[in-house]
């Protein structure tokens, strides 16, 4: 098969960097859909190995020693006139300490974040969930009267303990794949109809 013909036929099904959503769930009912989140990167995961040699001229064999990944993630937000996202993040951060700056128990401020890749039909394809996370650094906001009227933005760094992933399109054979394809089309139509009713 011609590779160019294959690519042109399937290019519209490729995952896009700008099709994603972020949902944050903090303590005490703090929650945000993160609709104004403009950039985020899912964490990596590495298997740390150790070389073992069994003597003689045998080559070294690598064995898994531990699992490691960076325990921080940065989210970038645009701000609207309500500063809603900034308020929620600062409220979440203030739950880490009291008015005398004494630290609270971690279980009282742990939350979770879901980062979801959406398909071209706006149905979830992949979700990365961060567990036991909380905002460790809330970025500054800059003002400049001489600059053009740009949208105000700020960054937030979250720390987390672990992360897990979920794939919506699990391989299930020919019939299972066909069923998933039909289900996604139906779900996409229903979601569009609901969205049209809510926002029209």
N, C-alpha and C. Protein backbone atom coordinates (compact mmCIF):
# COMPACT_ATOMS: atom_id res chain seq x y z
N UNK A 1 0.84 -1.20 0.00
CA UNK A 1 0.00 0.00 0.00
C UNK A 1 0.88 1.25 0.00
N UNK A 2 0.47 2.27 -0.69
CA UNK A 2 1.20 3.53 -0.75
C UNK A 2 1.11 4.24 0.60
N UNK A 3 2.26 4.59 1.18
CA UNK A 3 2.28 5.19 2.52
C UNK A 3 1.59 6.54 2.54
N UNK A 4 1.71 7.32 1.45
CA UNK A 4 1.06 8.64 1.40
C UNK A 4 -0.46 8.51 1.39
N UNK A 5 -0.96 7.49 0.68
CA UNK A 5 -2.40 7.26 0.65
C UNK A 5 -2.89 6.82 2.03
N UNK A 6 -2.08 5.98 2.68
CA UNK A 6 -2.44 5.52 4.03
C UNK A 6 -2.49 6.69 5.00
N UNK A 7 -1.47 7.56 4.95
CA UNK A 7 -1.41 8.70 5.87
C UNK A 7 -2.55 9.68 5.63
N UNK A 8 -2.88 9.95 4.38
CA UNK A 8 -3.97 10.89 4.09
C UNK A 8 -5.31 10.33 4.52
N UNK A 9 -5.44 9.01 4.51
CA UNK A 9 -6.71 8.39 4.90
C UNK A 9 -6.87 8.35 6.41
N UNK A 10 -5.76 8.30 7.14
CA UNK A 10 -5.82 8.13 8.59
C UNK A 10 -5.36 9.35 9.38
N UNK A 11 -4.91 10.40 8.70
CA UNK A 11 -4.38 11.57 9.40
C UNK A 11 -5.43 12.24 10.28
N UNK A 12 -6.69 12.18 9.85
CA UNK A 12 -7.74 12.83 10.64
C UNK A 12 -8.04 12.08 11.93
N UNK A 13 -7.49 10.86 12.08
CA UNK A 13 -7.71 10.08 13.29
C UNK A 13 -6.54 10.18 14.27
N UNK A 14 -5.53 10.96 13.92
CA UNK A 14 -4.37 11.11 14.79
C UNK A 14 -4.71 11.96 16.02
N UNK A 15 -4.08 11.64 17.15
CA UNK A 15 -4.28 12.42 18.38
C UNK A 15 -3.66 13.80 18.20
N UNK A 16 -4.33 14.81 18.73
CA UNK A 16 -3.89 16.20 18.57
C UNK A 16 -3.47 16.78 19.92
N UNK A 17 -2.40 17.59 19.90
CA UNK A 17 -1.89 18.16 21.15
C UNK A 17 -2.86 19.16 21.78
N UNK A 18 -3.74 19.76 20.98
CA UNK A 18 -4.64 20.77 21.54
C UNK A 18 -6.00 20.21 21.94
N UNK A 19 -6.18 18.90 21.86
CA UNK A 19 -7.44 18.28 22.28
C UNK A 19 -7.22 17.55 23.61
N UNK A 20 -7.44 18.26 24.69
CA UNK A 20 -7.24 17.67 26.01
C UNK A 20 -8.12 18.42 27.01
N UNK A 21 -8.30 17.82 28.17
CA UNK A 21 -8.99 18.48 29.26
C UNK A 21 -8.33 18.09 30.58
N UNK A 22 -8.44 18.98 31.56
CA UNK A 22 -7.85 18.76 32.87
C UNK A 22 -8.93 18.93 33.92
N UNK A 23 -9.07 17.96 34.79
CA UNK A 23 -10.00 18.04 35.91
C UNK A 23 -9.23 17.91 37.22
N UNK A 24 -9.43 18.88 38.12
CA UNK A 24 -8.73 18.90 39.39
C UNK A 24 -9.72 18.70 40.53
N UNK A 25 -9.34 17.86 41.49
CA UNK A 25 -10.19 17.57 42.64
C UNK A 25 -9.36 17.77 43.91
N UNK A 26 -9.61 18.88 44.61
CA UNK A 26 -8.87 19.19 45.81
C UNK A 26 -9.64 18.83 47.07
N UNK A 27 -9.15 19.23 48.23
CA UNK A 27 -9.82 18.94 49.49
C UNK A 27 -11.03 19.85 49.71
N UNK A 28 -11.90 19.46 50.62
CA UNK A 28 -13.04 20.29 51.04
C UNK A 28 -13.91 20.74 49.88
N UNK A 29 -14.10 19.87 48.89
CA UNK A 29 -14.98 20.20 47.77
C UNK A 29 -14.38 21.11 46.72
N UNK A 30 -13.10 21.43 46.81
CA UNK A 30 -12.45 22.25 45.79
C UNK A 30 -12.35 21.43 44.50
N UNK A 31 -12.92 21.95 43.43
CA UNK A 31 -12.88 21.23 42.15
C UNK A 31 -12.89 22.22 41.00
N UNK A 32 -12.23 21.85 39.90
CA UNK A 32 -12.18 22.70 38.72
C UNK A 32 -12.09 21.84 37.49
N UNK A 33 -12.83 22.21 36.43
CA UNK A 33 -12.76 21.51 35.15
C UNK A 33 -11.50 21.90 34.38
N UNK A 34 -10.85 22.97 34.79
CA UNK A 34 -9.62 23.37 34.13
C UNK A 34 -9.80 23.73 32.67
N UNK A 35 -10.95 24.33 32.33
CA UNK A 35 -11.22 24.66 30.92
C UNK A 35 -10.27 25.73 30.40
N UNK A 36 -9.66 26.50 31.30
CA UNK A 36 -8.73 27.54 30.88
C UNK A 36 -7.27 27.10 31.00
N UNK A 37 -7.04 25.81 31.22
CA UNK A 37 -5.68 25.28 31.24
C UNK A 37 -5.18 25.20 29.80
N UNK A 38 -4.07 25.87 29.52
CA UNK A 38 -3.56 25.96 28.14
C UNK A 38 -2.41 25.00 27.84
N UNK A 39 -1.74 24.49 28.87
CA UNK A 39 -0.60 23.61 28.62
C UNK A 39 -0.33 22.73 29.83
N UNK A 40 -0.03 21.48 29.59
CA UNK A 40 0.35 20.53 30.64
C UNK A 40 1.07 19.37 29.97
N UNK A 41 1.95 18.72 30.70
CA UNK A 41 2.68 17.57 30.20
C UNK A 41 2.52 16.42 31.18
N UNK A 42 2.14 15.26 30.68
CA UNK A 42 1.99 14.11 31.57
C UNK A 42 3.36 13.67 32.08
N UNK A 43 3.42 13.07 33.26
CA UNK A 43 4.72 12.65 33.81
C UNK A 43 5.29 11.45 33.07
N UNK A 44 6.59 11.28 33.21
CA UNK A 44 7.27 10.14 32.62
C UNK A 44 7.33 9.01 33.65
N UNK A 45 7.85 7.87 33.23
CA UNK A 45 8.08 6.76 34.15
C UNK A 45 9.30 5.99 33.67
N UNK A 46 10.23 5.74 34.58
CA UNK A 46 11.47 5.06 34.22
C UNK A 46 11.68 3.83 35.10
N UNK A 47 12.17 2.76 34.48
CA UNK A 47 12.59 1.57 35.22
C UNK A 47 14.10 1.69 35.42
N UNK A 48 14.51 1.84 36.67
CA UNK A 48 15.94 1.94 37.00
C UNK A 48 16.53 0.53 37.02
N UNK A 49 17.60 0.33 36.27
CA UNK A 49 18.21 -1.00 36.18
C UNK A 49 19.59 -1.03 36.83
N UNK A 50 20.03 -2.24 37.08
CA UNK A 50 21.36 -2.45 37.67
C UNK A 50 22.04 -3.58 36.90
N UNK A 51 23.33 -3.40 36.57
CA UNK A 51 24.07 -4.40 35.83
C UNK A 51 24.59 -5.50 36.75
N UNK A 52 24.45 -6.74 36.30
CA UNK A 52 24.99 -7.89 37.03
C UNK A 52 25.88 -8.68 36.10
N UNK A 53 27.01 -9.11 36.62
CA UNK A 53 27.94 -9.93 35.85
C UNK A 53 28.13 -11.25 36.58
N UNK A 54 27.96 -12.36 35.84
CA UNK A 54 28.06 -13.68 36.45
C UNK A 54 29.46 -14.28 36.34
N UNK A 55 30.42 -13.43 36.06
CA UNK A 55 31.81 -13.88 36.02
C UNK A 55 32.25 -14.30 34.63
N UNK A 56 33.53 -14.40 34.48
CA UNK A 56 34.08 -14.80 33.20
C UNK A 56 33.91 -13.71 32.15
N UNK A 57 33.76 -14.15 30.93
CA UNK A 57 33.64 -13.20 29.82
C UNK A 57 32.18 -12.98 29.43
N UNK A 58 31.25 -13.37 30.29
CA UNK A 58 29.83 -13.21 29.96
C UNK A 58 29.44 -11.73 29.98
N UNK A 59 28.55 -11.33 29.07
CA UNK A 59 28.10 -9.92 29.08
C UNK A 59 27.23 -9.63 30.29
N UNK A 60 27.20 -8.40 30.67
CA UNK A 60 26.39 -8.00 31.81
C UNK A 60 24.91 -8.09 31.46
N UNK A 61 24.11 -8.44 32.45
CA UNK A 61 22.67 -8.51 32.28
C UNK A 61 22.02 -7.43 33.14
N UNK A 62 21.08 -6.70 32.57
CA UNK A 62 20.40 -5.64 33.31
C UNK A 62 19.17 -6.20 34.01
N UNK A 63 19.03 -5.86 35.30
CA UNK A 63 17.87 -6.25 36.08
C UNK A 63 17.16 -5.00 36.60
N UNK A 64 15.84 -5.07 36.63
CA UNK A 64 15.07 -3.94 37.16
C UNK A 64 15.36 -3.79 38.64
N UNK A 65 15.63 -2.55 39.04
CA UNK A 65 15.98 -2.27 40.44
C UNK A 65 14.89 -1.48 41.15
N UNK A 66 14.31 -0.48 40.45
CA UNK A 66 13.27 0.34 41.06
C UNK A 66 12.52 1.10 39.96
N UNK A 67 11.43 1.74 40.36
CA UNK A 67 10.64 2.58 39.46
C UNK A 67 10.81 4.03 39.90
N UNK A 68 11.01 4.93 38.94
CA UNK A 68 11.23 6.33 39.30
C UNK A 68 10.57 7.24 38.27
N UNK A 69 10.12 8.41 38.72
CA UNK A 69 9.62 9.44 37.82
C UNK A 69 9.64 10.77 38.55
N UNK A 70 9.59 11.84 37.79
CA UNK A 70 9.55 13.18 38.37
C UNK A 70 8.21 13.38 39.06
N UNK A 71 8.24 13.77 40.32
CA UNK A 71 7.01 13.90 41.12
C UNK A 71 6.41 15.30 41.08
N UNK A 72 6.72 16.06 40.05
CA UNK A 72 6.11 17.39 39.90
C UNK A 72 5.58 17.55 38.49
N UNK A 73 4.59 18.42 38.35
CA UNK A 73 4.00 18.71 37.06
C UNK A 73 3.56 20.17 37.05
N UNK A 74 3.66 20.83 35.91
CA UNK A 74 3.30 22.25 35.80
C UNK A 74 2.11 22.42 34.88
N UNK A 75 1.12 23.18 35.35
CA UNK A 75 -0.05 23.51 34.56
C UNK A 75 -0.06 25.00 34.29
N UNK A 76 -0.35 25.40 33.06
CA UNK A 76 -0.45 26.81 32.69
C UNK A 76 -1.92 27.18 32.49
N UNK A 77 -2.32 28.33 33.04
CA UNK A 77 -3.71 28.76 32.97
C UNK A 77 -3.83 30.16 32.37
N UNK A 78 -4.92 30.39 31.65
CA UNK A 78 -5.34 31.73 31.27
C UNK A 78 -6.31 32.21 32.35
N UNK A 79 -6.33 33.50 32.60
CA UNK A 79 -7.22 34.07 33.61
C UNK A 79 -8.34 34.87 32.95
N UNK A 80 -9.58 34.63 33.41
CA UNK A 80 -10.68 35.48 32.96
C UNK A 80 -10.91 36.58 33.99
N UNK A 81 -11.96 37.38 33.83
CA UNK A 81 -12.15 38.52 34.73
C UNK A 81 -12.55 38.12 36.14
N UNK A 82 -12.95 36.83 36.35
CA UNK A 82 -13.32 36.38 37.70
C UNK A 82 -12.12 35.85 38.50
N UNK A 83 -11.02 35.54 37.79
CA UNK A 83 -9.84 34.93 38.43
C UNK A 83 -10.20 33.63 39.14
N UNK A 84 -11.20 32.91 38.62
CA UNK A 84 -11.72 31.72 39.29
C UNK A 84 -10.65 30.66 39.52
N UNK A 85 -9.85 30.36 38.49
CA UNK A 85 -8.83 29.32 38.63
C UNK A 85 -7.78 29.71 39.67
N UNK A 86 -7.41 30.98 39.67
CA UNK A 86 -6.42 31.45 40.64
C UNK A 86 -6.98 31.33 42.07
N UNK A 87 -8.24 31.69 42.24
CA UNK A 87 -8.87 31.60 43.56
C UNK A 87 -8.86 30.16 44.07
N UNK A 88 -9.25 29.22 43.21
CA UNK A 88 -9.31 27.82 43.62
C UNK A 88 -7.93 27.27 43.98
N UNK A 89 -6.91 27.63 43.18
CA UNK A 89 -5.56 27.14 43.45
C UNK A 89 -5.03 27.72 44.76
N UNK A 90 -5.24 29.02 45.00
CA UNK A 90 -4.76 29.63 46.24
C UNK A 90 -5.51 29.08 47.45
N UNK A 91 -6.81 28.79 47.28
CA UNK A 91 -7.58 28.19 48.37
C UNK A 91 -7.05 26.80 48.69
N UNK A 92 -6.75 26.04 47.65
CA UNK A 92 -6.18 24.71 47.84
C UNK A 92 -4.83 24.81 48.55
N UNK A 93 -3.99 25.74 48.12
CA UNK A 93 -2.67 25.89 48.73
C UNK A 93 -2.77 26.33 50.19
N UNK A 94 -3.77 27.18 50.50
CA UNK A 94 -3.92 27.65 51.88
C UNK A 94 -4.38 26.55 52.82
N UNK A 95 -4.91 25.44 52.27
CA UNK A 95 -5.32 24.33 53.12
C UNK A 95 -4.13 23.54 53.66
N UNK A 96 -2.93 23.85 53.15
CA UNK A 96 -1.73 23.15 53.59
C UNK A 96 -1.24 23.68 54.94
N UNK A 97 -1.58 24.92 55.27
CA UNK A 97 -1.13 25.53 56.53
C UNK A 97 -2.26 26.35 57.13
N UNK A 98 -2.15 26.65 58.44
CA UNK A 98 -3.16 27.47 59.09
C UNK A 98 -2.67 28.91 59.17
N UNK A 99 -3.42 29.77 59.86
CA UNK A 99 -3.09 31.20 59.91
C UNK A 99 -1.78 31.48 60.63
N UNK A 100 -1.36 30.56 61.50
CA UNK A 100 -0.08 30.72 62.20
C UNK A 100 1.06 30.06 61.44
N UNK A 101 0.79 29.65 60.21
CA UNK A 101 1.75 28.98 59.33
C UNK A 101 2.24 27.65 59.89
N UNK A 102 1.37 26.98 60.65
CA UNK A 102 1.64 25.60 61.05
C UNK A 102 1.10 24.67 59.96
N UNK A 103 1.85 23.65 59.64
CA UNK A 103 1.46 22.75 58.56
C UNK A 103 0.38 21.77 59.01
N UNK A 104 -0.58 21.51 58.13
CA UNK A 104 -1.64 20.55 58.39
C UNK A 104 -1.20 19.16 57.96
N UNK A 105 -1.99 18.16 58.35
CA UNK A 105 -1.68 16.78 57.96
C UNK A 105 -1.88 16.63 56.45
N UNK A 106 -0.98 15.90 55.78
CA UNK A 106 -1.07 15.75 54.32
C UNK A 106 -2.42 15.22 53.84
N UNK A 107 -3.01 14.30 54.62
CA UNK A 107 -4.30 13.73 54.20
C UNK A 107 -5.39 14.78 54.09
N UNK A 108 -5.20 15.93 54.75
CA UNK A 108 -6.24 16.97 54.73
C UNK A 108 -6.15 17.87 53.50
N UNK A 109 -5.03 17.79 52.75
CA UNK A 109 -4.92 18.65 51.56
C UNK A 109 -4.57 17.88 50.29
N UNK A 110 -4.47 16.55 50.38
CA UNK A 110 -4.24 15.76 49.17
C UNK A 110 -5.43 15.86 48.23
N UNK A 111 -5.14 15.83 46.92
CA UNK A 111 -6.19 15.81 45.91
C UNK A 111 -5.77 14.95 44.75
N UNK A 112 -6.43 15.10 43.63
CA UNK A 112 -6.08 14.34 42.43
C UNK A 112 -6.32 15.20 41.18
N UNK A 113 -5.63 14.85 40.12
CA UNK A 113 -5.77 15.55 38.84
C UNK A 113 -5.88 14.52 37.73
N UNK A 114 -6.85 14.71 36.83
CA UNK A 114 -7.01 13.85 35.66
C UNK A 114 -6.67 14.66 34.41
N UNK A 115 -5.71 14.17 33.63
CA UNK A 115 -5.33 14.79 32.35
C UNK A 115 -5.79 13.85 31.24
N UNK A 116 -6.70 14.30 30.40
CA UNK A 116 -7.33 13.43 29.42
C UNK A 116 -7.06 13.88 27.99
N UNK A 117 -6.58 12.95 27.19
CA UNK A 117 -6.44 13.18 25.75
C UNK A 117 -7.79 12.89 25.10
N UNK A 118 -8.29 13.87 24.33
CA UNK A 118 -9.56 13.69 23.64
C UNK A 118 -9.32 13.33 22.19
N UNK A 119 -10.21 12.54 21.63
CA UNK A 119 -10.12 12.20 20.22
C UNK A 119 -10.70 13.33 19.38
N UNK A 120 -10.68 13.16 18.07
CA UNK A 120 -11.24 14.18 17.18
C UNK A 120 -12.75 14.32 17.38
N UNK A 121 -13.37 13.30 18.02
CA UNK A 121 -14.80 13.35 18.31
C UNK A 121 -15.07 13.87 19.72
N UNK A 122 -14.00 14.38 20.40
CA UNK A 122 -14.09 14.91 21.76
C UNK A 122 -14.46 13.87 22.81
N UNK A 123 -14.26 12.60 22.50
CA UNK A 123 -14.47 11.52 23.46
C UNK A 123 -13.10 11.12 24.00
N UNK A 124 -12.98 10.86 25.32
CA UNK A 124 -11.68 10.50 25.91
C UNK A 124 -11.03 9.29 25.25
N UNK A 125 -9.72 9.39 25.05
CA UNK A 125 -8.93 8.30 24.49
C UNK A 125 -8.00 7.74 25.55
N UNK A 126 -7.39 8.64 26.33
CA UNK A 126 -6.39 8.27 27.34
C UNK A 126 -6.49 9.22 28.51
N UNK A 127 -6.40 8.70 29.72
CA UNK A 127 -6.45 9.54 30.92
C UNK A 127 -5.28 9.21 31.83
N UNK A 128 -4.55 10.23 32.24
CA UNK A 128 -3.46 10.10 33.21
C UNK A 128 -3.94 10.72 34.52
N UNK A 129 -3.96 9.93 35.59
CA UNK A 129 -4.46 10.40 36.89
C UNK A 129 -3.30 10.53 37.87
N UNK A 130 -3.19 11.72 38.47
CA UNK A 130 -2.17 11.97 39.48
C UNK A 130 -2.81 11.79 40.85
N UNK A 131 -2.14 11.07 41.74
CA UNK A 131 -2.68 10.76 43.06
C UNK A 131 -1.88 11.46 44.16
N UNK A 132 -2.60 11.82 45.22
CA UNK A 132 -1.99 12.50 46.38
C UNK A 132 -1.22 13.74 45.93
N UNK A 133 -1.87 14.59 45.17
CA UNK A 133 -1.20 15.79 44.68
C UNK A 133 -1.72 17.04 45.38
N UNK A 134 -0.93 18.10 45.30
CA UNK A 134 -1.27 19.39 45.90
C UNK A 134 -0.38 20.47 45.27
N UNK A 135 -0.85 21.72 45.24
CA UNK A 135 -0.06 22.79 44.61
C UNK A 135 1.08 23.25 45.50
N UNK A 136 2.30 23.10 45.02
CA UNK A 136 3.46 23.51 45.80
C UNK A 136 3.97 24.90 45.42
N UNK A 137 3.67 25.34 44.21
CA UNK A 137 4.15 26.65 43.77
C UNK A 137 3.12 27.30 42.86
N UNK A 138 2.64 28.47 43.26
CA UNK A 138 1.71 29.25 42.45
C UNK A 138 2.50 30.41 41.86
N UNK A 139 2.57 30.46 40.54
CA UNK A 139 3.40 31.47 39.88
C UNK A 139 2.88 32.88 40.03
N UNK A 140 3.75 33.83 39.81
CA UNK A 140 3.41 35.24 39.90
C UNK A 140 2.61 35.69 38.69
N UNK A 141 1.98 36.85 38.81
CA UNK A 141 1.23 37.46 37.71
C UNK A 141 1.90 38.78 37.36
N UNK A 142 2.20 38.97 36.08
CA UNK A 142 2.90 40.17 35.65
C UNK A 142 1.93 41.20 35.06
N UNK A 143 2.23 42.48 35.32
CA UNK A 143 1.46 43.59 34.76
C UNK A 143 2.42 44.52 34.04
N UNK A 144 2.00 45.03 32.89
CA UNK A 144 2.85 45.91 32.11
C UNK A 144 1.97 46.85 31.29
N UNK A 145 1.91 48.13 31.69
CA UNK A 145 1.04 49.09 31.01
C UNK A 145 1.51 49.40 29.59
N UNK A 146 2.79 49.16 29.30
CA UNK A 146 3.31 49.48 27.97
C UNK A 146 3.13 48.34 26.97
N UNK A 147 2.73 47.17 27.47
CA UNK A 147 2.60 46.00 26.60
C UNK A 147 1.23 45.98 25.92
N UNK A 148 1.12 45.16 24.90
CA UNK A 148 -0.16 44.98 24.22
C UNK A 148 -1.14 44.27 25.16
N UNK A 149 -2.41 44.37 24.85
CA UNK A 149 -3.44 43.79 25.71
C UNK A 149 -3.47 42.28 25.56
N UNK A 150 -2.54 41.62 26.22
CA UNK A 150 -2.45 40.17 26.16
C UNK A 150 -3.29 39.53 27.26
N UNK A 151 -3.63 38.26 27.06
CA UNK A 151 -4.40 37.53 28.07
C UNK A 151 -3.48 37.21 29.26
N UNK A 152 -3.99 37.46 30.45
CA UNK A 152 -3.21 37.21 31.66
C UNK A 152 -3.08 35.71 31.90
N UNK A 153 -1.88 35.28 32.28
CA UNK A 153 -1.61 33.85 32.50
C UNK A 153 -0.81 33.65 33.78
N UNK A 154 -0.87 32.42 34.29
CA UNK A 154 -0.01 32.05 35.42
C UNK A 154 0.21 30.55 35.41
N UNK A 155 1.29 30.11 36.06
CA UNK A 155 1.65 28.69 36.13
C UNK A 155 1.49 28.18 37.55
N UNK A 156 1.18 26.90 37.66
CA UNK A 156 1.08 26.24 38.96
C UNK A 156 1.87 24.94 38.91
N UNK A 157 2.70 24.72 39.91
CA UNK A 157 3.44 23.47 40.01
C UNK A 157 2.78 22.59 41.07
N UNK A 158 2.45 21.37 40.70
CA UNK A 158 1.86 20.40 41.62
C UNK A 158 2.87 19.31 41.93
N UNK A 159 2.88 18.86 43.18
CA UNK A 159 3.63 17.66 43.56
C UNK A 159 2.64 16.52 43.72
N UNK A 160 3.06 15.32 43.43
CA UNK A 160 2.17 14.17 43.56
C UNK A 160 2.98 12.94 43.99
N UNK A 161 2.26 11.93 44.47
CA UNK A 161 2.93 10.71 44.95
C UNK A 161 3.10 9.68 43.85
N UNK A 162 1.99 9.33 43.18
CA UNK A 162 2.03 8.34 42.12
C UNK A 162 1.11 8.77 40.98
N UNK A 163 1.16 8.04 39.88
CA UNK A 163 0.23 8.29 38.79
C UNK A 163 -0.15 6.97 38.11
N UNK A 164 -1.33 6.96 37.52
CA UNK A 164 -1.80 5.77 36.81
C UNK A 164 -2.45 6.23 35.51
N UNK A 165 -2.66 5.29 34.59
CA UNK A 165 -3.24 5.65 33.30
C UNK A 165 -4.40 4.71 32.95
N UNK A 166 -5.26 5.21 32.07
CA UNK A 166 -6.41 4.44 31.61
C UNK A 166 -6.59 4.68 30.12
N UNK A 167 -6.73 3.59 29.36
CA UNK A 167 -6.94 3.66 27.92
C UNK A 167 -8.39 3.29 27.61
N UNK A 168 -9.07 4.14 26.85
CA UNK A 168 -10.46 3.87 26.53
C UNK A 168 -10.62 2.84 25.41
N UNK A 169 -9.63 2.75 24.52
CA UNK A 169 -9.72 1.83 23.38
C UNK A 169 -8.85 0.60 23.62
N UNK A 170 -9.31 -0.29 24.50
CA UNK A 170 -8.57 -1.51 24.76
C UNK A 170 -8.74 -2.47 23.58
N UNK A 171 -7.66 -3.16 23.15
CA UNK A 171 -7.79 -4.12 22.06
C UNK A 171 -8.72 -5.28 22.46
N UNK A 172 -9.79 -5.50 21.68
CA UNK A 172 -10.75 -6.55 22.03
C UNK A 172 -11.15 -7.37 20.82
N UNK A 173 -10.36 -7.40 19.78
CA UNK A 173 -10.70 -8.18 18.60
C UNK A 173 -11.52 -7.38 17.61
N UNK A 174 -11.89 -8.01 16.50
CA UNK A 174 -12.59 -7.34 15.41
C UNK A 174 -13.97 -6.83 15.84
N UNK A 175 -14.78 -7.71 16.45
CA UNK A 175 -16.13 -7.31 16.85
C UNK A 175 -16.10 -6.26 17.96
N UNK A 176 -15.16 -6.44 18.90
CA UNK A 176 -15.03 -5.47 19.99
C UNK A 176 -14.62 -4.11 19.48
N UNK A 177 -13.68 -4.09 18.50
CA UNK A 177 -13.26 -2.83 17.92
C UNK A 177 -14.38 -2.14 17.17
N UNK A 178 -15.19 -2.93 16.44
CA UNK A 178 -16.33 -2.37 15.72
C UNK A 178 -17.36 -1.80 16.69
N UNK A 179 -17.60 -2.52 17.78
CA UNK A 179 -18.54 -2.04 18.79
C UNK A 179 -18.06 -0.74 19.43
N UNK A 180 -16.75 -0.67 19.73
CA UNK A 180 -16.18 0.55 20.32
C UNK A 180 -16.31 1.74 19.37
N UNK A 181 -16.10 1.48 18.07
CA UNK A 181 -16.19 2.56 17.07
C UNK A 181 -17.61 3.10 16.99
N UNK A 182 -18.61 2.20 16.95
CA UNK A 182 -20.01 2.62 16.90
C UNK A 182 -20.40 3.33 18.18
N UNK A 183 -19.95 2.83 19.33
CA UNK A 183 -20.26 3.44 20.61
C UNK A 183 -19.71 4.86 20.71
N UNK A 184 -18.47 5.06 20.21
CA UNK A 184 -17.85 6.38 20.25
C UNK A 184 -18.63 7.37 19.38
N UNK A 185 -19.09 6.93 18.20
CA UNK A 185 -19.87 7.81 17.33
C UNK A 185 -21.17 8.21 18.01
N UNK A 186 -21.84 7.25 18.65
CA UNK A 186 -23.09 7.52 19.33
C UNK A 186 -22.87 8.46 20.51
N UNK A 187 -21.80 8.19 21.29
CA UNK A 187 -21.48 9.04 22.44
C UNK A 187 -21.14 10.45 22.01
N UNK A 188 -20.43 10.58 20.88
CA UNK A 188 -20.06 11.90 20.36
C UNK A 188 -21.31 12.70 19.97
N UNK A 189 -22.28 12.02 19.31
CA UNK A 189 -23.52 12.70 18.91
C UNK A 189 -24.31 13.16 20.13
N UNK A 190 -24.41 12.30 21.13
CA UNK A 190 -25.15 12.64 22.36
C UNK A 190 -24.49 13.81 23.07
N UNK A 191 -23.15 13.77 23.16
CA UNK A 191 -22.41 14.84 23.82
C UNK A 191 -22.60 16.17 23.10
N UNK A 192 -22.60 16.14 21.76
CA UNK A 192 -22.80 17.36 20.97
C UNK A 192 -24.20 17.92 21.17
N UNK A 193 -25.21 17.05 21.21
CA UNK A 193 -26.59 17.50 21.42
C UNK A 193 -26.76 18.14 22.80
N UNK A 194 -26.15 17.53 23.82
CA UNK A 194 -26.23 18.10 25.16
C UNK A 194 -25.54 19.45 25.22
N UNK A 195 -24.35 19.52 24.59
CA UNK A 195 -23.59 20.77 24.56
C UNK A 195 -24.37 21.87 23.85
N UNK A 196 -25.03 21.50 22.72
CA UNK A 196 -25.83 22.49 21.98
C UNK A 196 -26.98 23.01 22.83
N UNK A 197 -27.61 22.13 23.60
CA UNK A 197 -28.73 22.55 24.47
C UNK A 197 -28.25 23.45 25.59
N UNK A 198 -27.08 23.15 26.16
CA UNK A 198 -26.58 23.91 27.31
C UNK A 198 -26.06 25.27 26.91
N UNK A 199 -25.40 25.37 25.75
CA UNK A 199 -24.69 26.58 25.40
C UNK A 199 -25.32 27.36 24.24
N UNK A 200 -26.48 26.90 23.72
CA UNK A 200 -27.13 27.64 22.62
C UNK A 200 -28.01 28.75 23.17
